[in-house]
Protein backbone atom coordinates (compact mmCIF):
# COMPACT_ATOMS: atom_id res chain seq x y z
CA MET A 1 -0.06 0.00 -0.01
CA ARG A 2 1.36 3.53 -0.85
CA LEU A 3 2.19 5.76 1.80
CA ASP A 4 -0.51 8.29 1.02
CA HIS A 5 -3.14 5.58 1.19
CA LYS A 6 -1.60 4.31 4.47
CA ILE A 7 -2.01 7.66 5.94
CA ALA A 8 -5.58 7.99 4.66
CA ASP A 9 -6.42 4.54 5.89
CA PHE A 10 -4.91 5.46 9.32
CA LEU A 11 -6.95 8.62 9.57
CA GLY A 12 -10.13 6.81 8.38
CA TYR A 13 -10.13 8.47 4.89
CA ASP A 14 -10.63 6.93 1.56
CA LEU A 15 -8.42 8.87 -1.10
CA ILE A 16 -9.54 8.79 -4.62
CA LYS A 17 -6.65 10.32 -6.76
CA THR A 18 -7.72 12.17 -9.96
CA ARG A 19 -5.32 10.15 -12.06
CA LYS A 20 -6.73 6.94 -10.64
CA ASN A 21 -10.35 7.82 -11.08
CA ILE A 22 -11.40 6.50 -14.47
CA LEU A 23 -14.66 8.38 -14.47
CA LEU A 24 -13.10 11.84 -14.56
CA PRO A 25 -10.70 11.26 -17.52
CA ARG A 26 -13.36 9.63 -19.48
CA HIS A 27 -15.87 12.40 -18.66
CA LEU A 28 -13.31 14.98 -19.75
CA HIS A 29 -12.50 13.24 -22.90
CA ASN A 30 -16.19 13.21 -23.85
CA LEU A 31 -16.67 16.87 -22.85
CA PHE A 32 -13.54 18.13 -24.69
CA ALA A 33 -14.86 16.28 -27.89
CA LEU A 34 -18.24 17.73 -27.65
CA LEU A 35 -17.08 21.31 -26.96
CA ASP A 36 -14.00 21.15 -29.29
CA ILE A 37 -11.69 22.05 -26.46
CA ASN A 38 -8.18 22.83 -27.82
CA CYS A 39 -6.47 24.80 -24.73
CA VAL A 40 -6.41 23.94 -21.22
CA LEU A 41 -5.52 26.35 -18.50
CA ASP A 42 -4.18 24.25 -15.63
CA VAL A 43 -4.30 26.55 -12.63
CA GLY A 44 -2.56 25.03 -9.62
CA ALA A 45 -0.57 22.55 -11.50
CA ASN A 46 1.64 21.11 -8.65
CA TYR A 47 3.88 18.60 -10.53
CA GLY A 48 1.80 18.44 -13.71
CA GLN A 49 -0.48 15.40 -12.59
CA TYR A 50 -3.56 17.02 -14.40
CA GLY A 51 -1.79 17.62 -17.63
CA THR A 52 -0.33 14.02 -17.64
CA MET A 53 -3.92 12.57 -16.96
CA LEU A 54 -5.25 14.52 -19.91
CA ARG A 55 -2.56 13.22 -22.20
CA ASP A 56 -3.20 9.67 -21.00
CA ALA A 57 -6.86 10.28 -21.77
CA GLY A 58 -6.03 11.20 -25.36
CA TYR A 59 -6.10 15.00 -25.30
CA GLN A 60 -3.52 16.37 -27.68
CA GLY A 61 -4.31 20.20 -27.59
CA ARG A 62 -2.31 22.89 -25.83
CA ILE A 63 -1.96 22.99 -21.99
CA ILE A 64 -0.79 26.10 -20.06
CA SER A 65 0.03 25.21 -16.46
CA PHE A 66 0.36 27.66 -13.61
CA GLU A 67 2.31 26.75 -10.48
CA PRO A 68 3.74 29.45 -7.98
CA VAL A 69 5.71 27.25 -5.59
CA SER A 70 9.36 27.03 -6.73
CA SER A 71 10.00 23.40 -5.82
CA SER A 72 6.79 22.28 -7.43
CA TYR A 73 7.47 24.31 -10.53
CA GLN A 74 10.83 22.65 -11.05
CA ARG A 75 9.03 19.26 -11.15
CA LEU A 76 6.40 20.62 -13.36
CA GLN A 77 9.05 21.82 -15.70
CA GLN A 78 10.65 18.43 -15.95
CA THR A 79 7.07 16.92 -16.75
CA ALA A 80 6.05 19.53 -19.31
CA GLY A 81 9.45 19.95 -20.91
CA LYS A 82 8.95 16.58 -22.65
CA ASP A 83 5.89 17.95 -24.37
CA GLY A 84 6.13 20.55 -27.17
CA ASN A 85 2.52 21.53 -26.64
CA TRP A 86 2.64 22.18 -22.91
CA ASP A 87 3.67 25.56 -21.49
CA THR A 88 4.35 26.47 -17.94
CA CYS A 89 4.13 29.72 -15.89
CA ASN A 90 5.81 30.32 -12.53
CA PHE A 91 3.05 32.40 -10.88
CA ALA A 92 -0.39 31.94 -9.50
CA LEU A 93 -3.69 33.42 -10.76
CA GLY A 94 -6.06 35.50 -8.67
CA ARG A 95 -8.48 38.39 -8.59
CA THR A 96 -5.81 41.07 -8.78
CA GLU A 97 -1.97 41.50 -9.46
CA GLU A 98 -0.03 41.31 -6.13
CA GLU A 99 2.53 39.37 -4.26
CA LEU A 100 1.45 37.17 -1.29
CA GLU A 101 2.93 34.60 0.90
CA ILE A 102 1.91 30.99 0.19
CA ASN A 103 1.96 28.28 2.85
CA VAL A 104 4.11 25.44 1.66
CA THR A 105 3.05 22.24 3.36
CA ALA A 106 4.65 18.89 4.09
CA ALA A 107 2.66 17.43 1.21
CA SER A 108 3.12 19.75 -1.71
CA ASP A 109 -0.44 19.48 -3.03
CA PHE A 110 -1.85 21.10 0.11
CA ALA A 111 0.08 24.40 -0.38
CA SER A 112 -2.33 27.31 -0.10
CA PHE A 113 -2.64 30.95 0.44
CA LEU A 114 -5.06 30.08 3.27
CA PRO A 115 -4.06 28.30 6.51
CA PRO A 116 -5.28 24.73 7.14
CA SER A 117 -8.39 24.53 9.27
CA GLU A 118 -8.65 22.79 12.48
CA PHE A 119 -10.70 20.06 10.87
CA SER A 120 -7.86 19.69 8.24
CA LYS A 121 -5.07 19.58 11.04
CA ASN A 122 -7.10 17.11 13.08
CA THR A 123 -7.97 14.83 10.04
CA PHE A 124 -4.87 15.00 7.85
CA GLY A 125 -2.22 15.65 10.51
CA ASP A 126 1.42 16.24 9.52
CA VAL A 127 0.80 16.19 5.76
CA VAL A 128 -0.90 19.79 6.09
CA ALA A 129 1.76 21.16 8.45
CA ILE A 130 3.30 24.30 7.13
CA THR A 131 6.95 23.90 6.62
CA ARG A 132 7.76 27.27 5.17
CA LYS A 133 6.26 30.28 3.53
CA GLU A 134 7.19 31.57 0.04
CA ARG A 135 6.45 34.97 -1.39
CA VAL A 136 4.86 34.43 -4.96
CA GLN A 137 3.56 36.52 -7.75
CA ILE A 138 -0.15 36.60 -8.55
CA LYS A 139 -1.68 37.82 -11.77
CA LYS A 140 -5.17 38.23 -13.16
CA LEU A 141 -5.98 36.03 -16.15
CA ASP A 142 -7.79 39.05 -17.75
CA ASP A 143 -4.58 41.01 -17.84
CA ILE A 144 -2.46 38.24 -19.43
CA PHE A 145 -5.11 36.40 -21.54
CA ASP A 146 -4.32 38.02 -24.93
CA LYS A 147 -0.48 37.23 -24.47
CA LEU A 148 -1.19 33.74 -23.57
CA MET A 149 -3.40 33.14 -26.64
CA GLN A 150 -0.98 34.57 -29.10
CA GLY A 151 -0.65 32.04 -31.88
CA GLN A 152 -3.66 30.12 -30.60
CA ASN A 153 -6.19 29.69 -33.41
CA GLN A 154 -9.84 30.08 -32.31
CA ALA A 155 -9.22 29.05 -28.79
CA ARG A 156 -11.86 26.91 -27.02
CA ILE A 157 -10.76 26.78 -23.44
CA HIS A 158 -11.22 24.63 -20.39
CA LEU A 159 -10.18 26.41 -17.15
CA LYS A 160 -9.12 23.79 -14.55
CA MET A 161 -8.63 25.35 -11.04
CA ASP A 162 -7.18 23.44 -8.12
CA THR A 163 -5.84 26.12 -5.89
CA GLN A 164 -6.63 24.86 -2.38
CA GLY A 165 -9.39 27.25 -1.41
CA TYR A 166 -8.51 30.02 -3.79
CA ASP A 167 -10.43 28.97 -6.99
CA LEU A 168 -13.07 31.76 -6.61
CA ASP A 169 -10.29 34.46 -6.54
CA VAL A 170 -8.99 32.91 -9.81
CA PHE A 171 -12.48 32.93 -11.28
CA LYS A 172 -12.97 36.54 -10.35
CA GLY A 173 -9.84 37.54 -12.07
CA ALA A 174 -11.09 35.95 -15.22
CA LYS A 175 -14.36 38.03 -15.63
CA HIS A 176 -13.58 39.29 -19.08
CA SER A 177 -11.97 36.05 -20.21
CA LEU A 178 -15.17 34.02 -19.57
CA GLN A 179 -16.39 34.64 -23.09
CA ASN A 180 -13.60 32.38 -24.36
CA ILE A 181 -14.02 29.67 -21.70
CA ALA A 182 -16.26 26.77 -22.62
CA SER A 183 -15.81 24.61 -19.66
CA LEU A 184 -14.23 24.65 -16.21
CA GLN A 185 -13.26 22.32 -13.34
CA SER A 186 -13.06 23.40 -9.70
CA GLU A 187 -12.22 21.57 -6.50
CA ILE A 188 -15.11 22.54 -4.32
CA SER A 189 -15.14 21.80 -0.53
CA VAL A 190 -18.06 20.29 1.49
CA LEU A 191 -15.96 20.20 4.70
CA PRO A 192 -13.57 23.22 5.27
CA VAL A 193 -9.99 22.07 4.56
CA TYR A 194 -8.78 25.68 4.91
CA GLU A 195 -9.82 28.62 6.97
CA GLY A 196 -11.97 31.03 5.24
CA MET A 197 -12.52 28.99 2.04
CA PRO A 198 -15.96 29.18 0.46
CA ASP A 199 -18.14 26.14 0.66
CA TYR A 200 -19.41 24.22 -2.24
CA LEU A 201 -22.81 26.02 -2.29
CA LYS A 202 -21.20 29.41 -2.65
CA SER A 203 -18.91 28.06 -5.33
CA LEU A 204 -21.66 26.44 -7.45
CA THR A 205 -23.86 29.61 -7.10
CA THR A 206 -20.96 31.70 -8.43
CA TYR A 207 -20.27 29.45 -11.34
CA ARG A 208 -23.96 29.05 -12.28
CA SER A 209 -24.53 32.76 -12.07
CA ALA A 210 -21.80 33.18 -14.67
CA GLY A 211 -23.60 30.86 -17.12
CA PHE A 212 -21.93 27.50 -16.24
CA GLU A 213 -23.87 24.30 -15.40
CA VAL A 214 -22.62 21.09 -13.88
CA THR A 215 -21.78 18.08 -16.02
CA GLY A 216 -20.15 16.06 -13.35
CA MET A 217 -19.16 15.74 -9.61
CA PHE A 218 -16.35 13.51 -8.72
CA PRO A 219 -15.42 12.91 -5.05
CA VAL A 220 -11.77 13.64 -4.21
CA SER A 221 -11.84 12.19 -0.69
CA HIS A 222 -14.39 10.66 1.82
CA ASP A 223 -14.49 10.27 5.43
CA SER A 224 -15.00 6.62 5.65
CA ALA A 225 -16.29 6.81 9.24
CA THR A 226 -19.33 9.12 8.25
CA LEU A 227 -19.22 8.52 4.44
CA MET A 228 -19.28 12.33 4.09
CA VAL A 229 -17.42 13.75 1.06
CA VAL A 230 -14.77 16.22 1.91
CA GLU A 231 -14.18 17.69 -1.54
CA PHE A 232 -15.48 17.26 -5.07
CA ASP A 233 -13.80 17.86 -8.53
CA CYS A 234 -16.76 19.75 -10.10
CA VAL A 235 -16.81 19.91 -13.95
CA LEU A 236 -19.01 22.63 -15.47
CA ARG A 237 -19.78 23.82 -18.98
CA LYS A 238 -21.24 27.01 -20.57
CA ALA A 239 -24.98 26.38 -20.82
CA GLU A 240 -25.03 27.96 -24.16
CA LEU A 241 -22.20 28.22 -26.68
CA PRO A 242 -22.33 29.92 -30.11
CA GLY A 243 -22.62 27.52 -32.93
CA GLU A 244 -23.13 24.41 -30.80
CA GLU A 245 -26.38 23.37 -32.42
CA THR A 246 -24.65 23.49 -35.67
CA ARG A 247 -21.83 21.27 -34.57
CA GLN A 248 -24.38 18.77 -33.08
CA ALA A 249 -26.54 18.77 -36.15
């Protein structure tokens, strides 16, 4: 048994890793085909696990990954560097351009601008312990969108956000870019993993008010003692897209 699963089992949790969940890649494969997705913005890339999953699922379009933590970014570069259609950016996305300290944790995929909640510390233990703080750059997607899309012909974009409690800030910084975004994925929390993070109802309300509707909800982790879901990977698409009826006809 792998170490992460041993930890989860000891704590009474059942981990469902995105790359191990066959339902999510299959769903994304079908969604990308339906919507003609040709560019993925991978926000909160960590080591590049999401991009690797997409490649394994057959997606061959462009990937642009964003990862602010220096040590994680080095690993991301190693992964993406083998792929000629995969670009990387060493900064975070948010609602405004600024510099902030990010909490780097023992398990790199828990790194967040928000501190872990008491629930998280009691549940996950040492893996969410803050080992250091790193000052990182944050940019608005709206401010850099045109530059990112240079050379991209008729971009049909999937925006993936996995920023440990910061997804709505990323989304608010993409207000004017939404016209080009056909689908999105956000990690939404039923139980608070970080202090001050929005719950899943607020997240869903925000995305739906912007014209997106849910196509799939995929559990990231469960509390096996109560069967309560801790977090979902929530996939949504624009309810209406120009020319979609023509493509389907």
